[in-house]
Amino acid sequence: QVQLVESGGGLVQPGGSLRLSCAASGRDFRLYTMGWYRQAPGKQRELVAAVTGGGSTNDADSVKGRFTISRDNAKNTVYLQMNSLKPEDTAVYYCNAHYNLPWGPDYDYWGQGTQVTVSS
């Protein structure tokens, strides 16, 4: 029902910046909480940041002050601005769309991921 396509990953030196984008299909984008997750080699996928349809955000402690999540509901797009990148930020970054009704199940949709490599 929802298709997500990430872009903007690449190779960057420590201290550099990247901006990731996630384009979502569908007509009900504003109903979804959007999130960015990442998964490094040999580690579990972890939440980086999330933003509700109304614009409320939450960031992981490891990226506070460095990463900023935002969304443009008119464009069905969510962004992750990443500044002051560190080697430990290296991972595949995934876009997630989450929807829940109190009387029903949770729905989660995932993009294919985009590689971010931070290395000198």
PDB file of N, CA and C in Angstrom:
ATOM      1  N   GLN A   1       0.818  -1.204   0.000  1.00  0.00           N
ATOM      2  CA  GLN A   1       0.000   0.000   0.000  1.00  0.00           C
ATOM      3  C   GLN A   1       0.856   1.259   0.000  1.00  0.00           C
ATOM      4  N   VAL A   2       1.988   1.218   0.683  1.00  0.00           N
ATOM      5  CA  VAL A   2       2.907   2.347   0.745  1.00  0.00           C
ATOM      6  C   VAL A   2       4.267   1.889   0.233  1.00  0.00           C
ATOM      7  N   GLN A   3       4.791   2.622  -0.714  1.00  0.00           N
ATOM      8  CA  GLN A   3       6.120   2.358  -1.230  1.00  0.00           C
ATOM      9  C   GLN A   3       7.040   3.509  -0.852  1.00  0.00           C
ATOM     10  N   LEU A   4       8.230   3.165  -0.383  1.00  0.00           N
ATOM     11  CA  LEU A   4       9.189   4.144   0.094  1.00  0.00           C
ATOM     12  C   LEU A   4      10.492   3.981  -0.676  1.00  0.00           C
ATOM     13  N   VAL A   5      11.046   5.089  -1.128  1.00  0.00           N
ATOM     14  CA  VAL A   5      12.289   5.082  -1.884  1.00  0.00           C
ATOM     15  C   VAL A   5      13.241   6.093  -1.264  1.00  0.00           C
ATOM     16  N   GLU A   6      14.371   5.595  -0.752  1.00  0.00           N
ATOM     17  CA  GLU A   6      15.374   6.456  -0.139  1.00  0.00           C
ATOM     18  C   GLU A   6      16.400   6.904  -1.171  1.00  0.00           C
ATOM     19  N   SER A   7      16.994   8.057  -0.907  1.00  0.00           N
ATOM     20  CA  SER A   7      18.078   8.553  -1.737  1.00  0.00           C
ATOM     21  C   SER A   7      18.941   9.495  -0.908  1.00  0.00           C
ATOM     22  N   GLY A   8      20.126   9.789  -1.407  1.00  0.00           N
ATOM     23  CA  GLY A   8      20.987  10.770  -0.781  1.00  0.00           C
ATOM     24  C   GLY A   8      22.181  10.211  -0.042  1.00  0.00           C
ATOM     25  N   GLY A   9      22.285   8.894   0.058  1.00  0.00           N
ATOM     26  CA  GLY A   9      23.425   8.306   0.738  1.00  0.00           C
ATOM     27  C   GLY A   9      24.698   8.443  -0.073  1.00  0.00           C
ATOM     28  N   GLY A  10      25.811   8.109   0.563  1.00  0.00           N
ATOM     29  CA  GLY A  10      27.085   8.186  -0.112  1.00  0.00           C
ATOM     30  C   GLY A  10      28.238   8.114   0.853  1.00  0.00           C
ATOM     31  N   LEU A  11      29.409   8.446   0.345  1.00  0.00           N
ATOM     32  CA  LEU A  11      30.644   8.454   1.125  1.00  0.00           C
ATOM     33  C   LEU A  11      30.976   9.884   1.528  1.00  0.00           C
ATOM     34  N   VAL A  12      31.258  10.078   2.805  1.00  0.00           N
ATOM     35  CA  VAL A  12      31.577  11.399   3.316  1.00  0.00           C
ATOM     36  C   VAL A  12      32.653  11.278   4.390  1.00  0.00           C
ATOM     37  N   GLN A  13      33.468  12.304   4.516  1.00  0.00           N
ATOM     38  CA  GLN A  13      34.505  12.314   5.543  1.00  0.00           C
ATOM     39  C   GLN A  13      33.925  12.649   6.911  1.00  0.00           C
ATOM     40  N   PRO A  14      34.584  12.209   7.979  1.00  0.00           N
ATOM     41  CA  PRO A  14      34.125  12.606   9.317  1.00  0.00           C
ATOM     42  C   PRO A  14      33.990  14.116   9.432  1.00  0.00           C
ATOM     43  N   GLY A  15      32.902  14.548  10.069  1.00  0.00           N
ATOM     44  CA  GLY A  15      32.607  15.960  10.185  1.00  0.00           C
ATOM     45  C   GLY A  15      31.783  16.520   9.050  1.00  0.00           C
ATOM     46  N   GLY A  16      31.589  15.739   8.011  1.00  0.00           N
ATOM     47  CA  GLY A  16      30.826  16.181   6.870  1.00  0.00           C
ATOM     48  C   GLY A  16      29.335  16.033   7.069  1.00  0.00           C
ATOM     49  N   SER A  17      28.585  16.336   6.007  1.00  0.00           N
ATOM     50  CA  SER A  17      27.125  16.335   6.063  1.00  0.00           C
ATOM     51  C   SER A  17      26.533  15.603   4.875  1.00  0.00           C
ATOM     52  N   LEU A  18      25.361  15.033   5.094  1.00  0.00           N
ATOM     53  CA  LEU A  18      24.557  14.427   4.052  1.00  0.00           C
ATOM     54  C   LEU A  18      23.095  14.699   4.355  1.00  0.00           C
ATOM     55  N   ARG A  19      22.281  14.741   3.316  1.00  0.00           N
ATOM     56  CA  ARG A  19      20.844  14.862   3.474  1.00  0.00           C
ATOM     57  C   ARG A  19      20.167  13.707   2.770  1.00  0.00           C
ATOM     58  N   LEU A  20      19.466  12.888   3.536  1.00  0.00           N
ATOM     59  CA  LEU A  20      18.726  11.769   2.992  1.00  0.00           C
ATOM     60  C   LEU A  20      17.285  12.179   2.716  1.00  0.00           C
ATOM     61  N   SER A  21      16.724  11.614   1.668  1.00  0.00           N
ATOM     62  CA  SER A  21      15.333  11.851   1.327  1.00  0.00           C
ATOM     63  C   SER A  21      14.611  10.522   1.196  1.00  0.00           C
ATOM     64  N   CYS A  22      13.344  10.520   1.541  1.00  0.00           N
ATOM     65  CA  CYS A  22      12.494   9.347   1.396  1.00  0.00           C
ATOM     66  C   CYS A  22      11.192   9.789   0.759  1.00  0.00           C
ATOM     67  N   ALA A  23      10.949   9.318  -0.439  1.00  0.00           N
ATOM     68  CA  ALA A  23       9.731   9.642  -1.162  1.00  0.00           C
ATOM     69  C   ALA A  23       8.719   8.522  -0.978  1.00  0.00           C
ATOM     70  N   ALA A  24       7.516   8.878  -0.564  1.00  0.00           N
ATOM     71  CA  ALA A  24       6.466   7.910  -0.280  1.00  0.00           C
ATOM     72  C   ALA A  24       5.354   8.006  -1.304  1.00  0.00           C
ATOM     73  N   SER A  25       4.821   6.863  -1.659  1.00  0.00           N
ATOM     74  CA  SER A  25       3.655   6.810  -2.522  1.00  0.00           C
ATOM     75  C   SER A  25       2.387   6.859  -1.678  1.00  0.00           C
ATOM     76  N   GLY A  26       1.259   6.937  -2.340  1.00  0.00           N
ATOM     77  CA  GLY A  26      -0.009   6.896  -1.640  1.00  0.00           C
ATOM     78  C   GLY A  26      -0.600   8.265  -1.377  1.00  0.00           C
ATOM     79  N   ARG A  27      -1.842   8.247  -0.915  1.00  0.00           N
ATOM     80  CA  ARG A  27      -2.594   9.480  -0.690  1.00  0.00           C
ATOM     81  C   ARG A  27      -2.761   9.836   0.780  1.00  0.00           C
ATOM     82  N   ASP A  28      -2.321   8.978   1.684  1.00  0.00           N
ATOM     83  CA  ASP A  28      -2.552   9.169   3.110  1.00  0.00           C
ATOM     84  C   ASP A  28      -1.259   9.358   3.877  1.00  0.00           C
ATOM     85  N   PHE A  29      -0.312  10.029   3.266  1.00  0.00           N
ATOM     86  CA  PHE A  29       0.996  10.228   3.869  1.00  0.00           C
ATOM     87  C   PHE A  29       0.902  10.882   5.246  1.00  0.00           C
ATOM     88  N   ARG A  30      -0.011  11.817   5.398  1.00  0.00           N
ATOM     89  CA  ARG A  30      -0.127  12.557   6.653  1.00  0.00           C
ATOM     90  C   ARG A  30      -0.601  11.711   7.818  1.00  0.00           C
ATOM     91  N   LEU A  31      -1.133  10.523   7.551  1.00  0.00           N
ATOM     92  CA  LEU A  31      -1.589   9.639   8.612  1.00  0.00           C
ATOM     93  C   LEU A  31      -0.458   8.831   9.232  1.00  0.00           C
ATOM     94  N   TYR A  32       0.696   8.815   8.609  1.00  0.00           N
ATOM     95  CA  TYR A  32       1.794   7.960   9.027  1.00  0.00           C
ATOM     96  C   TYR A  32       2.823   8.717   9.845  1.00  0.00           C
ATOM     97  N   THR A  33       3.296   8.056  10.894  1.00  0.00           N
ATOM     98  CA  THR A  33       4.525   8.474  11.531  1.00  0.00           C
ATOM     99  C   THR A  33       5.689   7.947  10.691  1.00  0.00           C
ATOM    100  N   MET A  34       6.612   8.829  10.363  1.00  0.00           N
ATOM    101  CA  MET A  34       7.748   8.469   9.530  1.00  0.00           C
ATOM    102  C   MET A  34       9.010   8.405  10.374  1.00  0.00           C
ATOM    103  N   GLY A  35       9.847   7.445  10.061  1.00  0.00           N
ATOM    104  CA  GLY A  35      11.079   7.297  10.812  1.00  0.00           C
ATOM    105  C   GLY A  35      12.250   6.917   9.940  1.00  0.00           C
ATOM    106  N   TRP A  36      13.424   7.229  10.448  1.00  0.00           N
ATOM    107  CA  TRP A  36      14.666   6.761   9.861  1.00  0.00           C
ATOM    108  C   TRP A  36      15.310   5.765  10.816  1.00  0.00           C
ATOM    109  N   TYR A  37      15.648   4.611  10.297  1.00  0.00           N
ATOM    110  CA  TYR A  37      16.372   3.586  11.022  1.00  0.00           C
ATOM    111  C   TYR A  37      17.704   3.344  10.328  1.00  0.00           C
ATOM    112  N   ARG A  38      18.624   2.738  11.050  1.00  0.00           N
ATOM    113  CA  ARG A  38      19.883   2.365  10.433  1.00  0.00           C
ATOM    114  C   ARG A  38      20.348   1.017  10.956  1.00  0.00           C
ATOM    115  N   GLN A  39      21.130   0.340  10.142  1.00  0.00           N
ATOM    116  CA  GLN A  39      21.665  -0.953  10.516  1.00  0.00           C
ATOM    117  C   GLN A  39      23.112  -1.043  10.050  1.00  0.00           C
ATOM    118  N   ALA A  40      24.006  -1.160  11.006  1.00  0.00           N
ATOM    119  CA  ALA A  40      25.419  -1.340  10.728  1.00  0.00           C
ATOM    120  C   ALA A  40      25.725  -2.828  10.612  1.00  0.00           C
ATOM    121  N   PRO A  41      26.818  -3.187   9.938  1.00  0.00           N
ATOM    122  CA  PRO A  41      27.172  -4.604   9.807  1.00  0.00           C
ATOM    123  C   PRO A  41      27.285  -5.298  11.157  1.00  0.00           C
ATOM    124  N   GLY A  42      26.627  -6.440  11.289  1.00  0.00           N
ATOM    125  CA  GLY A  42      26.690  -7.213  12.510  1.00  0.00           C
ATOM    126  C   GLY A  42      25.855  -6.691  13.657  1.00  0.00           C
ATOM    127  N   LYS A  43      25.070  -5.650  13.425  1.00  0.00           N
ATOM    128  CA  LYS A  43      24.253  -5.066  14.482  1.00  0.00           C
ATOM    129  C   LYS A  43      22.788  -5.041  14.085  1.00  0.00           C
ATOM    130  N   GLN A  44      21.936  -4.884  15.091  1.00  0.00           N
ATOM    131  CA  GLN A  44      20.505  -4.815  14.855  1.00  0.00           C
ATOM    132  C   GLN A  44      20.105  -3.444  14.328  1.00  0.00           C
ATOM    133  N   ARG A  45      18.990  -3.418  13.649  1.00  0.00           N
ATOM    134  CA  ARG A  45      18.454  -2.161  13.162  1.00  0.00           C
ATOM    135  C   ARG A  45      17.988  -1.311  14.339  1.00  0.00           C
ATOM    136  N   GLU A  46      18.319  -0.026  14.307  1.00  0.00           N
ATOM    137  CA  GLU A  46      17.973   0.870  15.390  1.00  0.00           C
ATOM    138  C   GLU A  46      17.289   2.121  14.865  1.00  0.00           C
ATOM    139  N   LEU A  47      16.414   2.670  15.686  1.00  0.00           N
ATOM    140  CA  LEU A  47      15.732   3.909  15.344  1.00  0.00           C
ATOM    141  C   LEU A  47      16.688   5.080  15.483  1.00  0.00           C
ATOM    142  N   VAL A  48      16.726   5.927  14.467  1.00  0.00           N
ATOM    143  CA  VAL A  48      17.533   7.135  14.483  1.00  0.00           C
ATOM    144  C   VAL A  48      16.690   8.344  14.859  1.00  0.00           C
ATOM    145  N   ALA A  49      15.574   8.520  14.178  1.00  0.00           N
ATOM    146  CA  ALA A  49      14.695   9.655  14.425  1.00  0.00           C
ATOM    147  C   ALA A  49      13.326   9.356  13.849  1.00  0.00           C
ATOM    148  N   ALA A  50      12.308  10.008  14.399  1.00  0.00           N
ATOM    149  CA  ALA A  50      10.940   9.835  13.923  1.00  0.00           C
ATOM    150  C   ALA A  50      10.212  11.168  13.954  1.00  0.00           C
ATOM    151  N   VAL A  51       9.233  11.290  13.086  1.00  0.00           N
ATOM    152  CA  VAL A  51       8.413  12.494  13.030  1.00  0.00           C
ATOM    153  C   VAL A  51       6.966  12.093  12.778  1.00  0.00           C
ATOM    154  N   THR A  52       6.047  12.637  13.560  1.00  0.00           N
ATOM    155  CA  THR A  52       4.633  12.347  13.389  1.00  0.00           C
ATOM    156  C   THR A  52       4.059  13.167  12.243  1.00  0.00           C
ATOM    157  N   GLY A  53       2.821  12.846  11.884  1.00  0.00           N
ATOM    158  CA  GLY A  53       2.160  13.598  10.840  1.00  0.00           C
ATOM    159  C   GLY A  53       2.013  15.066  11.164  1.00  0.00           C
ATOM    160  N   GLY A  54       1.931  15.395  12.448  1.00  0.00           N
ATOM    161  CA  GLY A  54       1.823  16.770  12.880  1.00  0.00           C
ATOM    162  C   GLY A  54       3.138  17.490  13.065  1.00  0.00           C
ATOM    163  N   GLY A  55       4.255  16.783  12.865  1.00  0.00           N
ATOM    164  CA  GLY A  55       5.555  17.420  12.920  1.00  0.00           C
ATOM    165  C   GLY A  55       6.318  17.258  14.219  1.00  0.00           C
ATOM    166  N   SER A  56       5.779  16.513  15.174  1.00  0.00           N
ATOM    167  CA  SER A  56       6.502  16.255  16.415  1.00  0.00           C
ATOM    168  C   SER A  56       7.634  15.262  16.159  1.00  0.00           C
ATOM    169  N   THR A  57       8.824  15.556  16.673  1.00  0.00           N
ATOM    170  CA  THR A  57      10.000  14.739  16.384  1.00  0.00           C
ATOM    171  C   THR A  57      10.601  14.132  17.637  1.00  0.00           C
ATOM    172  N   ASN A  58      11.353  13.066  17.422  1.00  0.00           N
ATOM    173  CA  ASN A  58      12.103  12.421  18.482  1.00  0.00           C
ATOM    174  C   ASN A  58      13.373  11.854  17.883  1.00  0.00           C
ATOM    175  N   ASP A  59      14.496  12.085  18.546  1.00  0.00           N
ATOM    176  CA  ASP A  59      15.792  11.651  18.049  1.00  0.00           C
ATOM    177  C   ASP A  59      16.465  10.717  19.035  1.00  0.00           C
ATOM    178  N   ALA A  60      17.231   9.788  18.508  1.00  0.00           N
ATOM    179  CA  ALA A  60      18.059   8.948  19.358  1.00  0.00           C
ATOM    180  C   ALA A  60      19.143   9.790  20.019  1.00  0.00           C
ATOM    181  N   ASP A  61      19.526   9.406  21.230  1.00  0.00           N
ATOM    182  CA  ASP A  61      20.543  10.165  21.954  1.00  0.00           C
ATOM    183  C   ASP A  61      21.851  10.262  21.173  1.00  0.00           C
ATOM    184  N   SER A  62      22.172   9.236  20.420  1.00  0.00           N
ATOM    185  CA  SER A  62      23.432   9.203  19.698  1.00  0.00           C
ATOM    186  C   SER A  62      23.518  10.232  18.580  1.00  0.00           C
ATOM    187  N   VAL A  63      22.379  10.784  18.156  1.00  0.00           N
ATOM    188  CA  VAL A  63      22.390  11.732  17.045  1.00  0.00           C
ATOM    189  C   VAL A  63      21.837  13.093  17.421  1.00  0.00           C
ATOM    190  N   LYS A  64      21.421  13.275  18.665  1.00  0.00           N
ATOM    191  CA  LYS A  64      20.879  14.559  19.094  1.00  0.00           C
ATOM    192  C   LYS A  64      21.885  15.680  18.873  1.00  0.00           C
ATOM    193  N   GLY A  65      21.397  16.766  18.316  1.00  0.00           N
ATOM    194  CA  GLY A  65      22.243  17.901  18.025  1.00  0.00           C
ATOM    195  C   GLY A  65      22.977  17.808  16.714  1.00  0.00           C
ATOM    196  N   ARG A  66      22.943  16.653  16.065  1.00  0.00           N
ATOM    197  CA  ARG A  66      23.632  16.457  14.794  1.00  0.00           C
ATOM    198  C   ARG A  66      22.681  16.163  13.642  1.00  0.00           C
ATOM    199  N   PHE A  67      21.644  15.380  13.906  1.00  0.00           N
ATOM    200  CA  PHE A  67      20.694  14.990  12.868  1.00  0.00           C
ATOM    201  C   PHE A  67      19.364  15.700  13.083  1.00  0.00           C
ATOM    202  N   THR A  68      18.684  16.005  11.997  1.00  0.00           N
ATOM    203  CA  THR A  68      17.371  16.622  12.055  1.00  0.00           C
ATOM    204  C   THR A  68      16.437  15.931  11.077  1.00  0.00           C
ATOM    205  N   ILE A  69      15.319  15.424  11.585  1.00  0.00           N
ATOM    206  CA  ILE A  69      14.310  14.824  10.731  1.00  0.00           C
ATOM    207  C   ILE A  69      13.219  15.851  10.456  1.00  0.00           C
ATOM    208  N   SER A  70      12.688  15.828   9.260  1.00  0.00           N
ATOM    209  CA  SER A  70      11.604  16.722   8.892  1.00  0.00           C
ATOM    210  C   SER A  70      10.766  16.070   7.806  1.00  0.00           C
ATOM    211  N   ARG A  71       9.594  16.633   7.554  1.00  0.00           N
ATOM    212  CA  ARG A  71       8.735  16.087   6.512  1.00  0.00           C
ATOM    213  C   ARG A  71       8.026  17.207   5.777  1.00  0.00           C
ATOM    214  N   ASP A  72       7.722  16.931   4.537  1.00  0.00           N
ATOM    215  CA  ASP A  72       6.946  17.829   3.702  1.00  0.00           C
ATOM    216  C   ASP A  72       5.740  17.034   3.233  1.00  0.00           C
ATOM    217  N   ASN A  73       4.610  17.241   3.891  1.00  0.00           N
ATOM    218  CA  ASN A  73       3.425  16.453   3.583  1.00  0.00           C
ATOM    219  C   ASN A  73       2.895  16.725   2.178  1.00  0.00           C
ATOM    220  N   ALA A  74       3.102  17.926   1.686  1.00  0.00           N
ATOM    221  CA  ALA A  74       2.661  18.256   0.338  1.00  0.00           C
ATOM    222  C   ALA A  74       3.432  17.473  -0.714  1.00  0.00           C
ATOM    223  N   LYS A  75       4.665  17.094  -0.392  1.00  0.00           N
ATOM    224  CA  LYS A  75       5.514  16.349  -1.320  1.00  0.00           C
ATOM    225  C   LYS A  75       5.618  14.873  -0.979  1.00  0.00           C
ATOM    226  N   ASN A  76       4.939  14.436   0.066  1.00  0.00           N
ATOM    227  CA  ASN A  76       5.027  13.037   0.519  1.00  0.00           C
ATOM    228  C   ASN A  76       6.479  12.616   0.719  1.00  0.00           C
ATOM    229  N   THR A  77       7.241  13.461   1.379  1.00  0.00           N
ATOM    230  CA  THR A  77       8.669  13.232   1.523  1.00  0.00           C
ATOM    231  C   THR A  77       9.118  13.506   2.950  1.00  0.00           C
ATOM    232  N   VAL A  78      10.011  12.661   3.443  1.00  0.00           N
ATOM    233  CA  VAL A  78      10.642  12.861   4.738  1.00  0.00           C
ATOM    234  C   VAL A  78      12.144  12.974   4.513  1.00  0.00           C
ATOM    235  N   TYR A  79      12.796  13.798   5.325  1.00  0.00           N
ATOM    236  CA  TYR A  79      14.209  14.076   5.168  1.00  0.00           C
ATOM    237  C   TYR A  79      14.963  13.765   6.449  1.00  0.00           C
ATOM    238  N   LEU A  80      16.236  13.500   6.296  1.00  0.00           N
ATOM    239  CA  LEU A  80      17.139  13.391   7.430  1.00  0.00           C
ATOM    240  C   LEU A  80      18.397  14.174   7.106  1.00  0.00           C
ATOM    241  N   GLN A  81      18.539  15.327   7.742  1.00  0.00           N
ATOM    242  CA  GLN A  81      19.742  16.129   7.596  1.00  0.00           C
ATOM    243  C   GLN A  81      20.764  15.646   8.607  1.00  0.00           C
ATOM    244  N   MET A  82      21.912  15.207   8.136  1.00  0.00           N
ATOM    245  CA  MET A  82      22.942  14.643   8.987  1.00  0.00           C
ATOM    246  C   MET A  82      24.180  15.529   8.928  1.00  0.00           C
ATOM    247  N   ASN A  83      24.539  16.094  10.064  1.00  0.00           N
ATOM    248  CA  ASN A  83      25.713  16.942  10.184  1.00  0.00           C
ATOM    249  C   ASN A  83      26.699  16.335  11.169  1.00  0.00           C
ATOM    250  N   SER A  84      27.924  16.809  11.117  1.00  0.00           N
ATOM    251  CA  SER A  84      28.974  16.334  12.028  1.00  0.00           C
ATOM    252  C   SER A  84      29.043  14.821  12.058  1.00  0.00           C
ATOM    253  N   LEU A  85      29.071  14.227  10.896  1.00  0.00           N
ATOM    254  CA  LEU A  85      29.031  12.773  10.791  1.00  0.00           C
ATOM    255  C   LEU A  85      30.283  12.132  11.377  1.00  0.00           C
ATOM    256  N   LYS A  86      30.077  10.979  11.985  1.00  0.00           N
ATOM    257  CA  LYS A  86      31.135  10.208  12.615  1.00  0.00           C
ATOM    258  C   LYS A  86      31.239   8.838  11.953  1.00  0.00           C
ATOM    259  N   PRO A  87      32.401   8.197  12.036  1.00  0.00           N
ATOM    260  CA  PRO A  87      32.522   6.853  11.464  1.00  0.00           C
ATOM    261  C   PRO A  87      31.477   5.879  11.991  1.00  0.00           C
ATOM    262  N   GLU A  88      31.075   6.014  13.250  1.00  0.00           N
ATOM    263  CA  GLU A  88      30.072   5.127  13.810  1.00  0.00           C
ATOM    264  C   GLU A  88      28.675   5.351  13.251  1.00  0.00           C
ATOM    265  N   ASP A  89      28.489   6.403  12.450  1.00  0.00           N
ATOM    266  CA  ASP A  89      27.228   6.610  11.758  1.00  0.00           C
ATOM    267  C   ASP A  89      27.121   5.755  10.498  1.00  0.00           C
ATOM    268  N   THR A  90      28.196   5.107  10.120  1.00  0.00           N
ATOM    269  CA  THR A  90      28.194   4.266   8.928  1.00  0.00           C
ATOM    270  C   THR A  90      27.174   3.143   9.071  1.00  0.00           C
ATOM    271  N   ALA A  91      26.268   3.051   8.117  1.00  0.00           N
ATOM    272  CA  ALA A  91      25.196   2.055   8.164  1.00  0.00           C
ATOM    273  C   ALA A  91      24.360   2.177   6.903  1.00  0.00           C
ATOM    274  N   VAL A  92      23.487   1.208   6.721  1.00  0.00           N
ATOM    275  CA  VAL A  92      22.421   1.348   5.749  1.00  0.00           C
ATOM    276  C   VAL A  92      21.256   2.028   6.451  1.00  0.00           C
ATOM    277  N   TYR A  93      20.771   3.106   5.879  1.00  0.00           N
ATOM    278  CA  TYR A  93      19.690   3.875   6.461  1.00  0.00           C
ATOM    279  C   TYR A  93      18.385   3.540   5.747  1.00  0.00           C
ATOM    280  N   TYR A  94      17.366   3.218   6.543  1.00  0.00           N
ATOM    281  CA  TYR A  94      16.073   2.797   6.023  1.00  0.00           C
ATOM    282  C   TYR A  94      14.982   3.778   6.422  1.00  0.00           C
ATOM    283  N   CYS A  95      14.119   4.053   5.493  1.00  0.00           N
ATOM    284  CA  CYS A  95      12.929   4.847   5.753  1.00  0.00           C
ATOM    285  C   CYS A  95      11.791   3.935   6.181  1.00  0.00           C
ATOM    286  N   ASN A  96      11.016   4.379   7.156  1.00  0.00           N
ATOM    287  CA  ASN A  96       9.912   3.593   7.689  1.00  0.00           C
ATOM    288  C   ASN A  96       8.650   4.435   7.787  1.00  0.00           C
ATOM    289  N   ALA A  97       7.537   3.845   7.424  1.00  0.00           N
ATOM    290  CA  ALA A  97       6.221   4.443   7.618  1.00  0.00           C
ATOM    291  C   ALA A  97       5.425   3.561   8.557  1.00  0.00           C
ATOM    292  N   HIS A  98       4.870   4.168   9.592  1.00  0.00           N
ATOM    293  CA  HIS A  98       4.150   3.420  10.618  1.00  0.00           C
ATOM    294  C   HIS A  98       2.747   3.984  10.792  1.00  0.00           C
ATOM    295  N   TYR A  99       1.778   3.065  10.865  1.00  0.00           N
ATOM    296  CA  TYR A  99       0.395   3.460  11.057  1.00  0.00           C
ATOM    297  C   TYR A  99      -0.266   2.512  12.035  1.00  0.00           C
ATOM    298  N   ASN A 100      -1.051   3.071  12.936  1.00  0.00           N
ATOM    299  CA  ASN A 100      -1.711   2.261  13.946  1.00  0.00           C
ATOM    300  C   ASN A 100      -3.084   2.830  14.265  1.00  0.00           C
ATOM    301  N   LEU A 101      -4.051   1.950  14.371  1.00  0.00           N
ATOM    302  CA  LEU A 101      -5.360   2.283  14.918  1.00  0.00           C
ATOM    303  C   LEU A 101      -5.497   1.609  16.274  1.00  0.00           C
ATOM    304  N   PRO A 102      -6.083   2.315  17.255  1.00  0.00           N
ATOM    305  CA  PRO A 102      -6.208   1.708  18.588  1.00  0.00           C
ATOM    306  C   PRO A 102      -6.931   0.368  18.582  1.00  0.00           C
ATOM    307  N   TRP A 103      -7.825   0.179  17.647  1.00  0.00           N
ATOM    308  CA  TRP A 103      -8.616  -1.041  17.589  1.00  0.00           C
ATOM    309  C   TRP A 103      -8.088  -2.052  16.580  1.00  0.00           C
ATOM    310  N   GLY A 104      -6.941  -1.767  15.981  1.00  0.00           N
ATOM    311  CA  GLY A 104      -6.406  -2.646  14.960  1.00  0.00           C
ATOM    312  C   GLY A 104      -4.913  -2.849  15.092  1.00  0.00           C
ATOM    313  N   PRO A 105      -4.336  -3.556  14.125  1.00  0.00           N
ATOM    314  CA  PRO A 105      -2.911  -3.862  14.181  1.00  0.00           C
ATOM    315  C   PRO A 105      -2.050  -2.695  13.720  1.00  0.00           C
ATOM    316  N   ASP A 106      -0.759  -2.820  14.011  1.00  0.00           N
ATOM    317  CA  ASP A 106       0.215  -1.873  13.490  1.00  0.00           C
ATOM    318  C   ASP A 106       0.561  -2.230  12.051  1.00  0.00           C
ATOM    319  N   TYR A 107       0.865  -1.212  11.279  1.00  0.00           N
ATOM    320  CA  TYR A 107       1.350  -1.398   9.917  1.00  0.00           C
ATOM    321  C   TYR A 107       2.700  -0.715   9.776  1.00  0.00           C
ATOM    322  N   ASP A 108       3.647  -1.424   9.199  1.00  0.00           N
ATOM    323  CA  ASP A 108       4.973  -0.892   8.961  1.00  0.00           C
ATOM    324  C   ASP A 108       5.387  -1.151   7.521  1.00  0.00           C
ATOM    325  N   TYR A 109       5.917  -0.119   6.886  1.00  0.00           N
ATOM    326  CA  TYR A 109       6.414  -0.214   5.530  1.00  0.00           C
ATOM    327  C   TYR A 109       7.849   0.273   5.505  1.00  0.00           C
ATOM    328  N   TRP A 110       8.668  -0.380   4.697  1.00  0.00           N
ATOM    329  CA  TRP A 110      10.101  -0.111   4.677  1.00  0.00           C
ATOM    330  C   TRP A 110      10.604   0.151   3.275  1.00  0.00           C
ATOM    331  N   GLY A 111      11.542   1.079   3.186  1.00  0.00           N
ATOM    332  CA  GLY A 111      12.261   1.272   1.947  1.00  0.00           C
ATOM    333  C   GLY A 111      13.386   0.269   1.812  1.00  0.00           C
ATOM    334  N   GLN A 112      14.085   0.332   0.689  1.00  0.00           N
ATOM    335  CA  GLN A 112      15.164  -0.610   0.419  1.00  0.00           C
ATOM    336  C   GLN A 112      16.477  -0.224   1.082  1.00  0.00           C
ATOM    337  N   GLY A 113      16.592   1.002   1.539  1.00  0.00           N
ATOM    338  CA  GLY A 113      17.781   1.448   2.232  1.00  0.00           C
ATOM    339  C   GLY A 113      18.750   2.188   1.335  1.00  0.00           C
ATOM    340  N   THR A 114      19.533   3.053   1.953  1.00  0.00           N
ATOM    341  CA  THR A 114      20.590   3.766   1.256  1.00  0.00           C
ATOM    342  C   THR A 114      21.843   3.753   2.127  1.00  0.00           C
ATOM    343  N   GLN A 115      22.977   3.474   1.512  1.00  0.00           N
ATOM    344  CA  GLN A 115      24.225   3.315   2.249  1.00  0.00           C
ATOM    345  C   GLN A 115      24.831   4.667   2.583  1.00  0.00           C
ATOM    346  N   VAL A 116      25.202   4.826   3.847  1.00  0.00           N
ATOM    347  CA  VAL A 116      25.958   5.985   4.305  1.00  0.00           C
ATOM    348  C   VAL A 116      27.275   5.479   4.870  1.00  0.00           C
ATOM    349  N   THR A 117      28.375   5.949   4.318  1.00  0.00           N
ATOM    350  CA  THR A 117      29.698   5.560   4.776  1.00  0.00           C
ATOM    351  C   THR A 117      30.469   6.807   5.179  1.00  0.00           C
ATOM    352  N   VAL A 118      30.937   6.825   6.419  1.00  0.00           N
ATOM    353  CA  VAL A 118      31.702   7.945   6.954  1.00  0.00           C
ATOM    354  C   VAL A 118      33.123   7.456   7.189  1.00  0.00           C
ATOM    355  N   SER A 119      34.047   7.939   6.392  1.00  0.00           N
ATOM    356  CA  SER A 119      35.419   7.446   6.454  1.00  0.00           C
ATOM    357  C   SER A 119      36.369   8.495   5.901  1.00  0.00           C
ATOM    358  N   SER A 120      37.539   8.592   6.510  1.00  0.00           N
ATOM    359  CA  SER A 120      38.552   9.511   6.038  1.00  0.00           C
ATOM    360  C   SER A 120      39.438   8.849   4.994  1.00  0.00           C
TER     361      SER A 120
END
